[in-house]
Every structure is written in C-alpha cells, then in structure tokens.
C-alpha cells in the first residue's frame, strides 16, 4: 500500500478507509504534544507546519504538480486556517473540548459539500447532523473561563476551515491533493513566522515539534490526501471519529487534564451518533467511489 501511495496508483475503498483510520490515530496525538510544548501556539503551528512541508517535499518531489487551481490554493489557505485555529483552541481550552468541537465538521462538510460538490446528503445524515449540533451545545454548559469560552468558539472555527479543506481536497479527486497540504503547511509557516522569530523553538522543544511535523501532521495527511480520492467528503470526515476519542485519552493519561462533565456527555452524544452512522452507511456503501 505504501508503494501505491508514493507512486499514485489506484487503491480500493476499503484500503482508503484503513488509511483514514491510521491517519486519525496519528492525528489524535496532537493534543498531548501541543500541551507539553511550552511555546506560544503560533510558534508550535508554524514550526510543525514547516517540518511537515519539508517531509512531504522530500517524499513526493518526483510526483508534485502545483497547478495553482482554485481548489488547490483555497484548500491551502483553509488548511492553514484549520491548523492555526486548532492549536490556538487547544492552548485556550481543554484538549478534549478542542478536538471534539472540531469534530462538528461533519455539519459544515454536509452543508457546504452539498453546495460545492453536489454529493448527496441523505435524510439519515441530516438527522445525524442535528444530533451532533445538540451534542456540541452541551460543551458550553461547563463552567468555563473567558479564555476557555473563546477557545471553544475558535475550535468551531477550526471545524469550518477543516470542512472546506476536505471539500477542496475532494474537488481534486482526479489529481493529487497532497500539493494542497504542502501549500497549506507553507502558508501556516509564513503566517506564524513573526511569532517564531519572537519566540523561537527551544532545544527541548525540537524533538516534540519534529514528531508533530513528521508523524502527527505530514504522514497522516499524506495518507489522507490519498484516501480522499476514493471516498466521499462526508464519509471521510465521519470515518476518522476515532481521533476525538483518543486525543483526550492521551492527554488525560500523561498530563491528567480532565474534560468537564457536560463536555464528556456532549462528546459521547457526538461519537455514538457518528459511529452508528458509520456502521449503517458502511453496510450499504459500494466498494469503490468512482474517481
């Protein structure tokens, strides 16, 4: 499968789902490493983006094709927006709130995907979306500081950016969406560069930043940019729901940061709902999505 990814060969829908799941597990470690790095969130976001871009350029330089199309460029800016706002949200609120609120993205993916991709959203999916919105509302019943409240709102903004990123990557299903990821990482680095100059990475932060750039960002997005060509946008975002399950678990086990009781309930509502949806649609889904 690795050779197929690097050479751009076609893969089956089932293998695409496996790639998304692997990517989700790697993504889920973000909250832990962001919390243990004692730098401002923009330095973290920009540094890991720069490392991820270098990693992808080294692996994919023979296959890269920057056509500067609207989906490629717009997707790059949405990527940068999603990465920066997520890191900021993780610093301002709990890791659990940040990741679980980011996973309201199925709502925005369905709404904007119907408009931009013409990918049908069933009545069942709309029911799932309504329940997800209800679960999201429970996050705001916790006792939050002002920073925590703003962190929640920024996490939702990250969800909007991520939804548009998925849509723009899906628009490139006949091409190579990995260029969008590289472009997005370079935009992230450029936006965050003034903060990096003001507070550069320390010696002790280089190792966790390298992990974030290579294994938590670069590698999973390489897998994801391959998989998105063979599954629908709404499938892609709902399949990866293992990430918000694991993300706060890593943080709780290592740091001991606990989400609020309402956030736990809201997260349970969201995760149970999308899991049922995945099982239901998985039984009906075709083995391949035409590309």
C-alpha atoms as a PDB file:
ATOM      1  CA  UNK A   1       0.000   0.000   0.000  1.00  0.00           C
ATOM      2  CA  UNK A   2       2.921   2.343   0.745  1.00  0.00           C
ATOM      3  CA  UNK A   3       4.290   1.883  -2.765  1.00  0.00           C
ATOM      4  CA  UNK A   4       0.860   2.575  -4.244  1.00  0.00           C
ATOM      5  CA  UNK A   5       0.641   5.845  -2.297  1.00  0.00           C
ATOM      6  CA  UNK A   6       4.085   7.058  -3.346  1.00  0.00           C
ATOM      7  CA  UNK A   7       3.503   6.080  -6.984  1.00  0.00           C
ATOM      8  CA  UNK A   8      -0.047   7.433  -7.113  1.00  0.00           C
ATOM      9  CA  UNK A   9      -1.681   4.127  -8.038  1.00  0.00           C
ATOM     10  CA  UNK A  10      -5.405   3.489  -7.500  1.00  0.00           C
ATOM     11  CA  UNK A  11      -6.490   1.786  -4.278  1.00  0.00           C
ATOM     12  CA  UNK A  12      -9.767   0.202  -3.159  1.00  0.00           C
ATOM     13  CA  UNK A  13     -12.340   1.973  -0.993  1.00  0.00           C
ATOM     14  CA  UNK A  14     -11.639  -0.424   1.894  1.00  0.00           C
ATOM     15  CA  UNK A  15      -7.938   0.439   1.793  1.00  0.00           C
ATOM     16  CA  UNK A  16      -8.855   4.129   1.665  1.00  0.00           C
ATOM     17  CA  UNK A  17     -10.867   3.680   4.869  1.00  0.00           C
ATOM     18  CA  UNK A  18      -7.872   1.989   6.533  1.00  0.00           C
ATOM     19  CA  UNK A  19      -5.663   4.923   5.531  1.00  0.00           C
ATOM     20  CA  UNK A  20      -8.119   7.376   7.113  1.00  0.00           C
ATOM     21  CA  UNK A  21      -8.184   5.339  10.326  1.00  0.00           C
ATOM     22  CA  UNK A  22      -4.369   5.245  10.524  1.00  0.00           C
ATOM     23  CA  UNK A  23      -4.272   8.980   9.888  1.00  0.00           C
ATOM     24  CA  UNK A  24      -6.837   9.548  12.644  1.00  0.00           C
ATOM     25  CA  UNK A  25      -4.758   7.612  15.208  1.00  0.00           C
ATOM     26  CA  UNK A  26      -1.687   9.703  14.351  1.00  0.00           C
ATOM     27  CA  UNK A  27      -3.691  12.949  14.418  1.00  0.00           C
ATOM     28  CA  UNK A  28      -5.065  12.028  17.850  1.00  0.00           C
ATOM     29  CA  UNK A  29      -1.660  12.602  19.482  1.00  0.00           C
ATOM     30  CA  UNK A  30      -1.751  16.338  18.714  1.00  0.00           C
ATOM     31  CA  UNK A  31      -3.393  17.449  21.960  1.00  0.00           C
ATOM     32  CA  UNK A  32      -0.801  15.728  24.128  1.00  0.00           C
ATOM     33  CA  UNK A  33       2.247  17.119  22.341  1.00  0.00           C
ATOM     34  CA  UNK A  34       0.787  20.623  21.975  1.00  0.00           C
ATOM     35  CA  UNK A  35       0.102  20.673  25.724  1.00  0.00           C
ATOM     36  CA  UNK A  36       3.638  19.592  26.697  1.00  0.00           C
ATOM     37  CA  UNK A  37       5.419  22.136  24.456  1.00  0.00           C
ATOM     38  CA  UNK A  38       5.945  25.384  26.364  1.00  0.00           C
ATOM     39  CA  UNK A  39       5.736  27.791  23.407  1.00  0.00           C
ATOM     40  CA  UNK A  40       3.100  30.156  22.073  1.00  0.00           C
ATOM     41  CA  UNK A  41       0.551  28.370  19.830  1.00  0.00           C
ATOM     42  CA  UNK A  42       1.652  30.193  16.670  1.00  0.00           C
ATOM     43  CA  UNK A  43       5.259  29.060  17.075  1.00  0.00           C
ATOM     44  CA  UNK A  44       4.015  25.493  17.529  1.00  0.00           C
ATOM     45  CA  UNK A  45       1.686  25.646  14.497  1.00  0.00           C
ATOM     46  CA  UNK A  46       4.254  27.298  12.223  1.00  0.00           C
ATOM     47  CA  UNK A  47       7.152  25.070  13.245  1.00  0.00           C
ATOM     48  CA  UNK A  48       5.297  21.787  12.840  1.00  0.00           C
ATOM     49  CA  UNK A  49       3.906  23.026   9.505  1.00  0.00           C
ATOM     50  CA  UNK A  50       7.398  23.812   8.214  1.00  0.00           C
ATOM     51  CA  UNK A  51       8.689  20.387   9.268  1.00  0.00           C
ATOM     52  CA  UNK A  52       5.674  18.662   7.698  1.00  0.00           C
ATOM     53  CA  UNK A  53       6.177  20.541   4.412  1.00  0.00           C
ATOM     54  CA  UNK A  54       9.853  19.527   4.245  1.00  0.00           C
ATOM     55  CA  UNK A  55       8.933  15.903   4.946  1.00  0.00           C
ATOM     56  CA  UNK A  56       6.293  15.818   2.192  1.00  0.00           C
ATOM     57  CA  UNK A  57       8.544  17.599  -0.311  1.00  0.00           C
ATOM     58  CA  UNK A  58      11.284  15.039   0.333  1.00  0.00           C
ATOM     59  CA  UNK A  59       8.925  12.080  -0.154  1.00  0.00           C
ATOM     60  CA  UNK A  60       6.834  13.364  -3.059  1.00  0.00           C
ATOM     61  CA  UNK A  61       9.155  15.656  -5.043  1.00  0.00           C
ATOM     62  CA  UNK A  62       9.022  13.448  -8.163  1.00  0.00           C
ATOM     63  CA  UNK A  63       5.226  13.463  -8.269  1.00  0.00           C
ATOM     64  CA  UNK A  64       4.379  17.014  -7.236  1.00  0.00           C
ATOM     65  CA  UNK A  65       2.394  19.198  -9.631  1.00  0.00           C
ATOM     66  CA  UNK A  66       1.408  22.658  -8.441  1.00  0.00           C
ATOM     67  CA  UNK A  67      -1.269  23.873 -10.881  1.00  0.00           C
ATOM     68  CA  UNK A  68      -2.401  26.800  -8.677  1.00  0.00           C
ATOM     69  CA  UNK A  69      -6.051  25.971  -9.310  1.00  0.00           C
ATOM     70  CA  UNK A  70      -8.769  27.422  -7.081  1.00  0.00           C
ATOM     71  CA  UNK A  71      -9.267  24.149  -5.121  1.00  0.00           C
ATOM     72  CA  UNK A  72      -5.514  23.747  -4.616  1.00  0.00           C
ATOM     73  CA  UNK A  73      -4.868  27.305  -3.414  1.00  0.00           C
ATOM     74  CA  UNK A  74      -8.118  27.768  -1.486  1.00  0.00           C
ATOM     75  CA  UNK A  75      -7.561  24.382   0.124  1.00  0.00           C
ATOM     76  CA  UNK A  76      -4.081  25.508   1.182  1.00  0.00           C
ATOM     77  CA  UNK A  77      -5.459  28.583   2.948  1.00  0.00           C
ATOM     78  CA  UNK A  78      -8.202  26.521   4.614  1.00  0.00           C
ATOM     79  CA  UNK A  79      -5.562  24.040   5.759  1.00  0.00           C
ATOM     80  CA  UNK A  80      -3.539  26.854   7.323  1.00  0.00           C
ATOM     81  CA  UNK A  81      -6.657  28.236   8.990  1.00  0.00           C
ATOM     82  CA  UNK A  82      -7.584  24.828  10.402  1.00  0.00           C
ATOM     83  CA  UNK A  83      -4.096  24.107  11.739  1.00  0.00           C
ATOM     84  CA  UNK A  84      -3.563  27.509  13.380  1.00  0.00           C
ATOM     85  CA  UNK A  85      -7.016  27.774  14.965  1.00  0.00           C
ATOM     86  CA  UNK A  86      -6.824  24.209  16.299  1.00  0.00           C
ATOM     87  CA  UNK A  87      -3.503  24.818  18.045  1.00  0.00           C
ATOM     88  CA  UNK A  88      -4.809  28.102  19.496  1.00  0.00           C
ATOM     89  CA  UNK A  89      -8.000  26.380  20.686  1.00  0.00           C
ATOM     90  CA  UNK A  90      -6.024  23.527  22.275  1.00  0.00           C
ATOM     91  CA  UNK A  91      -3.975  26.036  24.260  1.00  0.00           C
ATOM     92  CA  UNK A  92      -7.004  28.146  25.298  1.00  0.00           C
ATOM     93  CA  UNK A  93      -9.409  25.346  26.258  1.00  0.00           C
ATOM     94  CA  UNK A  94      -9.032  21.669  27.172  1.00  0.00           C
ATOM     95  CA  UNK A  95      -7.665  19.273  24.569  1.00  0.00           C
ATOM     96  CA  UNK A  96     -10.941  17.323  24.775  1.00  0.00           C
ATOM     97  CA  UNK A  97     -13.056  20.395  24.042  1.00  0.00           C
ATOM     98  CA  UNK A  98     -10.791  21.485  21.188  1.00  0.00           C
ATOM     99  CA  UNK A  99     -10.793  18.156  19.356  1.00  0.00           C
ATOM    100  CA  UNK A 100     -14.424  17.236  19.983  1.00  0.00           C
ATOM    101  CA  UNK A 101     -15.692  20.657  18.917  1.00  0.00           C
ATOM    102  CA  UNK A 102     -13.508  20.431  15.816  1.00  0.00           C
ATOM    103  CA  UNK A 103     -15.443  17.257  15.059  1.00  0.00           C
ATOM    104  CA  UNK A 104     -18.583  19.261  14.427  1.00  0.00           C
ATOM    105  CA  UNK A 105     -17.042  19.488  10.953  1.00  0.00           C
ATOM    106  CA  UNK A 106     -19.499  16.882   9.539  1.00  0.00           C
ATOM    107  CA  UNK A 107     -22.190  19.552   9.883  1.00  0.00           C
ATOM    108  CA  UNK A 108     -20.260  22.018   7.772  1.00  0.00           C
ATOM    109  CA  UNK A 109     -18.960  19.355   5.385  1.00  0.00           C
ATOM    110  CA  UNK A 110     -22.521  18.230   4.648  1.00  0.00           C
ATOM    111  CA  UNK A 111     -23.848  21.764   4.217  1.00  0.00           C
ATOM    112  CA  UNK A 112     -21.054  23.084   2.018  1.00  0.00           C
ATOM    113  CA  UNK A 113     -20.389  19.741   0.291  1.00  0.00           C
ATOM    114  CA  UNK A 114     -23.968  19.630  -0.955  1.00  0.00           C
ATOM    115  CA  UNK A 115     -23.488  23.089  -2.429  1.00  0.00           C
ATOM    116  CA  UNK A 116     -19.960  22.780  -3.829  1.00  0.00           C
ATOM    117  CA  UNK A 117     -19.568  19.055  -4.567  1.00  0.00           C
ATOM    118  CA  UNK A 118     -23.174  18.079  -5.303  1.00  0.00           C
ATOM    119  CA  UNK A 119     -22.587  14.990  -3.132  1.00  0.00           C
ATOM    120  CA  UNK A 120     -25.969  13.908  -1.840  1.00  0.00           C
ATOM    121  CA  UNK A 121     -26.665  14.090   1.880  1.00  0.00           C
ATOM    122  CA  UNK A 122     -29.451  11.705   2.917  1.00  0.00           C
ATOM    123  CA  UNK A 123     -32.243  12.390   5.441  1.00  0.00           C
ATOM    124  CA  UNK A 124     -30.467   9.995   7.767  1.00  0.00           C
ATOM    125  CA  UNK A 125     -27.316  12.118   7.532  1.00  0.00           C
ATOM    126  CA  UNK A 126     -29.273  15.277   8.275  1.00  0.00           C
ATOM    127  CA  UNK A 127     -30.667  13.567  11.363  1.00  0.00           C
ATOM    128  CA  UNK A 128     -27.114  12.736  12.417  1.00  0.00           C
ATOM    129  CA  UNK A 129     -26.119  16.370  11.868  1.00  0.00           C
ATOM    130  CA  UNK A 130     -28.958  17.690  14.061  1.00  0.00           C
ATOM    131  CA  UNK A 131     -27.940  15.377  16.918  1.00  0.00           C
ATOM    132  CA  UNK A 132     -24.283  16.398  16.510  1.00  0.00           C
ATOM    133  CA  UNK A 133     -25.263  20.061  16.840  1.00  0.00           C
ATOM    134  CA  UNK A 134     -27.147  19.184  20.032  1.00  0.00           C
ATOM    135  CA  UNK A 135     -24.080  17.420  21.411  1.00  0.00           C
ATOM    136  CA  UNK A 136     -21.950  20.432  20.510  1.00  0.00           C
ATOM    137  CA  UNK A 137     -24.247  22.718  22.545  1.00  0.00           C
ATOM    138  CA  UNK A 138     -23.517  20.720  25.715  1.00  0.00           C
ATOM    139  CA  UNK A 139     -19.886  21.872  25.665  1.00  0.00           C
ATOM    140  CA  UNK A 140     -20.978  25.384  26.592  1.00  0.00           C
ATOM    141  CA  UNK A 141     -22.742  24.253  29.781  1.00  0.00           C
ATOM    142  CA  UNK A 142     -19.425  23.626  31.539  1.00  0.00           C
ATOM    143  CA  UNK A 143     -18.036  26.275  33.890  1.00  0.00           C
ATOM    144  CA  UNK A 144     -15.515  27.968  31.632  1.00  0.00           C
ATOM    145  CA  UNK A 145     -13.095  30.845  31.969  1.00  0.00           C
ATOM    146  CA  UNK A 146     -13.283  33.569  29.331  1.00  0.00           C
ATOM    147  CA  UNK A 147     -10.254  32.002  27.630  1.00  0.00           C
ATOM    148  CA  UNK A 148     -11.970  28.618  27.672  1.00  0.00           C
ATOM    149  CA  UNK A 149     -15.107  30.071  26.101  1.00  0.00           C
ATOM    150  CA  UNK A 150     -13.151  31.733  23.326  1.00  0.00           C
ATOM    151  CA  UNK A 151     -11.171  28.521  22.911  1.00  0.00           C
ATOM    152  CA  UNK A 152     -14.433  26.670  22.244  1.00  0.00           C
ATOM    153  CA  UNK A 153     -15.501  29.183  19.607  1.00  0.00           C
ATOM    154  CA  UNK A 154     -12.079  29.023  17.933  1.00  0.00           C
ATOM    155  CA  UNK A 155     -12.343  25.210  17.883  1.00  0.00           C
ATOM    156  CA  UNK A 156     -15.632  25.519  15.968  1.00  0.00           C
ATOM    157  CA  UNK A 157     -13.941  27.943  13.555  1.00  0.00           C
ATOM    158  CA  UNK A 158     -11.282  25.282  13.057  1.00  0.00           C
ATOM    159  CA  UNK A 159     -14.068  22.834  12.177  1.00  0.00           C
ATOM    160  CA  UNK A 160     -15.319  25.204   9.462  1.00  0.00           C
ATOM    161  CA  UNK A 161     -11.847  25.558   7.976  1.00  0.00           C
ATOM    162  CA  UNK A 162     -11.335  21.771   8.084  1.00  0.00           C
ATOM    163  CA  UNK A 163     -14.674  21.148   6.380  1.00  0.00           C
ATOM    164  CA  UNK A 164     -13.731  23.433   3.497  1.00  0.00           C
ATOM    165  CA  UNK A 165     -10.300  21.771   3.324  1.00  0.00           C
ATOM    166  CA  UNK A 166     -11.925  18.355   2.883  1.00  0.00           C
ATOM    167  CA  UNK A 167     -14.229  19.737   0.186  1.00  0.00           C
ATOM    168  CA  UNK A 168     -11.386  21.384  -1.744  1.00  0.00           C
ATOM    169  CA  UNK A 169      -9.302  18.197  -1.493  1.00  0.00           C
ATOM    170  CA  UNK A 170     -12.252  16.157  -2.725  1.00  0.00           C
ATOM    171  CA  UNK A 171     -12.541  18.547  -5.708  1.00  0.00           C
ATOM    172  CA  UNK A 172      -9.080  17.303  -6.703  1.00  0.00           C
ATOM    173  CA  UNK A 173     -10.118  13.640  -6.760  1.00  0.00           C
ATOM    174  CA  UNK A 174      -8.800  13.297 -10.310  1.00  0.00           C
ATOM    175  CA  UNK A 175      -5.499  14.900  -9.397  1.00  0.00           C
ATOM    176  CA  UNK A 176      -3.148  14.961  -6.412  1.00  0.00           C
ATOM    177  CA  UNK A 177      -4.458  16.721  -3.268  1.00  0.00           C
ATOM    178  CA  UNK A 178      -1.107  16.393  -1.471  1.00  0.00           C
ATOM    179  CA  UNK A 179       0.041  19.675  -3.062  1.00  0.00           C
ATOM    180  CA  UNK A 180      -2.729  21.423  -1.128  1.00  0.00           C
ATOM    181  CA  UNK A 181      -1.323  20.024   2.109  1.00  0.00           C
ATOM    182  CA  UNK A 182       2.220  21.183   1.292  1.00  0.00           C
ATOM    183  CA  UNK A 183       0.970  24.622   0.267  1.00  0.00           C
ATOM    184  CA  UNK A 184      -1.111  24.823   3.447  1.00  0.00           C
ATOM    185  CA  UNK A 185       1.878  23.993   5.620  1.00  0.00           C
ATOM    186  CA  UNK A 186       3.974  26.684   3.949  1.00  0.00           C
ATOM    187  CA  UNK A 187       1.170  29.249   4.401  1.00  0.00           C
ATOM    188  CA  UNK A 188       0.918  28.246   8.053  1.00  0.00           C
ATOM    189  CA  UNK A 189       4.659  28.766   8.458  1.00  0.00           C
ATOM    190  CA  UNK A 190       4.538  32.164   6.716  1.00  0.00           C
ATOM    191  CA  UNK A 191       1.638  33.411   8.861  1.00  0.00           C
ATOM    192  CA  UNK A 192       3.321  32.232  12.051  1.00  0.00           C
ATOM    193  CA  UNK A 193       6.858  33.352  11.152  1.00  0.00           C
ATOM    194  CA  UNK A 194       6.711  36.657  13.117  1.00  0.00           C
ATOM    195  CA  UNK A 195       5.754  34.691  16.246  1.00  0.00           C
ATOM    196  CA  UNK A 196       8.513  32.127  15.584  1.00  0.00           C
ATOM    197  CA  UNK A 197      11.083  34.947  15.333  1.00  0.00           C
ATOM    198  CA  UNK A 198       9.765  36.479  18.563  1.00  0.00           C
ATOM    199  CA  UNK A 199       9.740  33.142  20.425  1.00  0.00           C
ATOM    200  CA  UNK A 200      11.827  30.552  18.519  1.00  0.00           C
ATOM    201  CA  UNK A 201      11.699  26.847  19.373  1.00  0.00           C
ATOM    202  CA  UNK A 202      13.915  25.803  22.263  1.00  0.00           C
ATOM    203  CA  UNK A 203      16.308  22.863  22.259  1.00  0.00           C
ATOM    204  CA  UNK A 204      13.942  20.818  24.412  1.00  0.00           C
ATOM    205  CA  UNK A 205      11.012  21.531  22.078  1.00  0.00           C
ATOM    206  CA  UNK A 206      12.729  20.379  18.870  1.00  0.00           C
ATOM    207  CA  UNK A 207      12.028  16.674  19.412  1.00  0.00           C
ATOM    208  CA  UNK A 208       8.278  17.001  20.122  1.00  0.00           C
ATOM    209  CA  UNK A 209       7.954  19.566  17.304  1.00  0.00           C
ATOM    210  CA  UNK A 210       9.676  17.135  14.919  1.00  0.00           C
ATOM    211  CA  UNK A 211       7.252  14.409  15.988  1.00  0.00           C
ATOM    212  CA  UNK A 212       4.294  16.737  15.371  1.00  0.00           C
ATOM    213  CA  UNK A 213       5.576  17.761  11.948  1.00  0.00           C
ATOM    214  CA  UNK A 214       6.510  14.306  10.666  1.00  0.00           C
ATOM    215  CA  UNK A 215       4.262  11.751  12.361  1.00  0.00           C
ATOM    216  CA  UNK A 216       1.287  13.762  13.601  1.00  0.00           C
ATOM    217  CA  UNK A 217       0.875  16.019  10.551  1.00  0.00           C
ATOM    218  CA  UNK A 218       2.957  15.140   7.482  1.00  0.00           C
ATOM    219  CA  UNK A 219       2.482  11.353   7.328  1.00  0.00           C
ATOM    220  CA  UNK A 220      -1.243  11.253   8.209  1.00  0.00           C
ATOM    221  CA  UNK A 221      -2.067  13.987   5.692  1.00  0.00           C
ATOM    222  CA  UNK A 222      -0.160  12.055   3.023  1.00  0.00           C
ATOM    223  CA  UNK A 223      -2.370   9.055   3.798  1.00  0.00           C
ATOM    224  CA  UNK A 224      -5.497  11.220   3.958  1.00  0.00           C
ATOM    225  CA  UNK A 225      -4.812  13.041   0.682  1.00  0.00           C
ATOM    226  CA  UNK A 226      -4.623   9.624  -0.999  1.00  0.00           C
ATOM    227  CA  UNK A 227      -7.755   8.252   0.663  1.00  0.00           C
ATOM    228  CA  UNK A 228      -9.961  11.292  -0.048  1.00  0.00           C
ATOM    229  CA  UNK A 229      -9.912  10.450  -3.763  1.00  0.00           C
ATOM    230  CA  UNK A 230     -11.817   7.218  -3.170  1.00  0.00           C
ATOM    231  CA  UNK A 231     -14.436   8.111  -0.540  1.00  0.00           C
ATOM    232  CA  UNK A 232     -16.971  10.935  -0.300  1.00  0.00           C
ATOM    233  CA  UNK A 233     -16.315  14.062   1.739  1.00  0.00           C
ATOM    234  CA  UNK A 234     -18.928  13.225   4.400  1.00  0.00           C
ATOM    235  CA  UNK A 235     -17.597   9.647   4.646  1.00  0.00           C
ATOM    236  CA  UNK A 236     -14.043  10.926   5.085  1.00  0.00           C
ATOM    237  CA  UNK A 237     -14.885  13.204   7.977  1.00  0.00           C
ATOM    238  CA  UNK A 238     -17.094  10.699   9.803  1.00  0.00           C
ATOM    239  CA  UNK A 239     -14.774   7.696   9.420  1.00  0.00           C
ATOM    240  CA  UNK A 240     -11.990   9.479  11.309  1.00  0.00           C
ATOM    241  CA  UNK A 241     -14.019   9.881  14.508  1.00  0.00           C
ATOM    242  CA  UNK A 242     -11.540   7.663  16.333  1.00  0.00           C
ATOM    243  CA  UNK A 243      -9.362  10.790  16.644  1.00  0.00           C
ATOM    244  CA  UNK A 244     -11.531  12.699  19.159  1.00  0.00           C
ATOM    245  CA  UNK A 245     -11.906   9.508  21.194  1.00  0.00           C
ATOM    246  CA  UNK A 246      -8.152   9.009  21.547  1.00  0.00           C
ATOM    247  CA  UNK A 247      -6.982  12.632  21.720  1.00  0.00           C
ATOM    248  CA  UNK A 248      -8.226  13.485  25.254  1.00  0.00           C
ATOM    249  CA  UNK A 249      -7.326   9.981  26.463  1.00  0.00           C
ATOM    250  CA  UNK A 250      -3.620  10.554  25.670  1.00  0.00           C
ATOM    251  CA  UNK A 251      -3.760  13.947  27.422  1.00  0.00           C
ATOM    252  CA  UNK A 252      -5.556  12.547  30.469  1.00  0.00           C
ATOM    253  CA  UNK A 253      -3.174   9.571  30.807  1.00  0.00           C
ATOM    254  CA  UNK A 254       0.016  11.656  30.550  1.00  0.00           C
ATOM    255  CA  UNK A 255      -0.944  15.105  31.875  1.00  0.00           C
ATOM    256  CA  UNK A 256      -4.088  14.389  33.882  1.00  0.00           C
ATOM    257  CA  UNK A 257      -6.212  17.104  32.211  1.00  0.00           C
ATOM    258  CA  UNK A 258      -9.876  16.153  32.558  1.00  0.00           C
ATOM    259  CA  UNK A 259     -12.733  17.460  30.392  1.00  0.00           C
ATOM    260  CA  UNK A 260     -15.859  18.791  32.116  1.00  0.00           C
ATOM    261  CA  UNK A 261     -18.851  16.526  32.742  1.00  0.00           C
ATOM    262  CA  UNK A 262     -21.028  18.298  30.167  1.00  0.00           C
ATOM    263  CA  UNK A 263     -18.225  18.079  27.604  1.00  0.00           C
ATOM    264  CA  UNK A 264     -17.962  14.325  28.243  1.00  0.00           C
ATOM    265  CA  UNK A 265     -21.714  13.959  27.713  1.00  0.00           C
ATOM    266  CA  UNK A 266     -21.617  16.105  24.582  1.00  0.00           C
ATOM    267  CA  UNK A 267     -18.674  14.141  23.227  1.00  0.00           C
ATOM    268  CA  UNK A 268     -20.465  10.852  23.926  1.00  0.00           C
ATOM    269  CA  UNK A 269     -23.535  12.082  22.030  1.00  0.00           C
ATOM    270  CA  UNK A 270     -21.431  13.126  19.045  1.00  0.00           C
ATOM    271  CA  UNK A 271     -19.282   9.983  18.934  1.00  0.00           C
ATOM    272  CA  UNK A 272     -22.097   7.466  19.443  1.00  0.00           C
ATOM    273  CA  UNK A 273     -24.156   9.179  16.761  1.00  0.00           C
ATOM    274  CA  UNK A 274     -21.435   9.230  14.122  1.00  0.00           C
ATOM    275  CA  UNK A 275     -20.386   5.656  14.975  1.00  0.00           C
ATOM    276  CA  UNK A 276     -23.937   4.415  14.367  1.00  0.00           C
ATOM    277  CA  UNK A 277     -23.961   6.388  11.142  1.00  0.00           C
ATOM    278  CA  UNK A 278     -20.662   4.812  10.023  1.00  0.00           C
ATOM    279  CA  UNK A 279     -21.950   1.285  10.710  1.00  0.00           C
ATOM    280  CA  UNK A 280     -25.239   1.950   8.933  1.00  0.00           C
ATOM    281  CA  UNK A 281     -23.733   3.523   5.824  1.00  0.00           C
ATOM    282  CA  UNK A 282     -20.786   1.097   5.751  1.00  0.00           C
ATOM    283  CA  UNK A 283     -23.151  -1.803   5.113  1.00  0.00           C
ATOM    284  CA  UNK A 284     -24.646  -0.020   2.103  1.00  0.00           C
ATOM    285  CA  UNK A 285     -21.537   1.605   0.654  1.00  0.00           C
ATOM    286  CA  UNK A 286     -20.074   0.422  -2.654  1.00  0.00           C
ATOM    287  CA  UNK A 287     -16.552  -0.943  -2.585  1.00  0.00           C
ATOM    288  CA  UNK A 288     -15.263   1.902  -4.715  1.00  0.00           C
ATOM    289  CA  UNK A 289     -16.154   5.512  -5.338  1.00  0.00           C
ATOM    290  CA  UNK A 290     -15.562   6.489  -8.963  1.00  0.00           C
ATOM    291  CA  UNK A 291     -12.738   8.956  -9.465  1.00  0.00           C
END
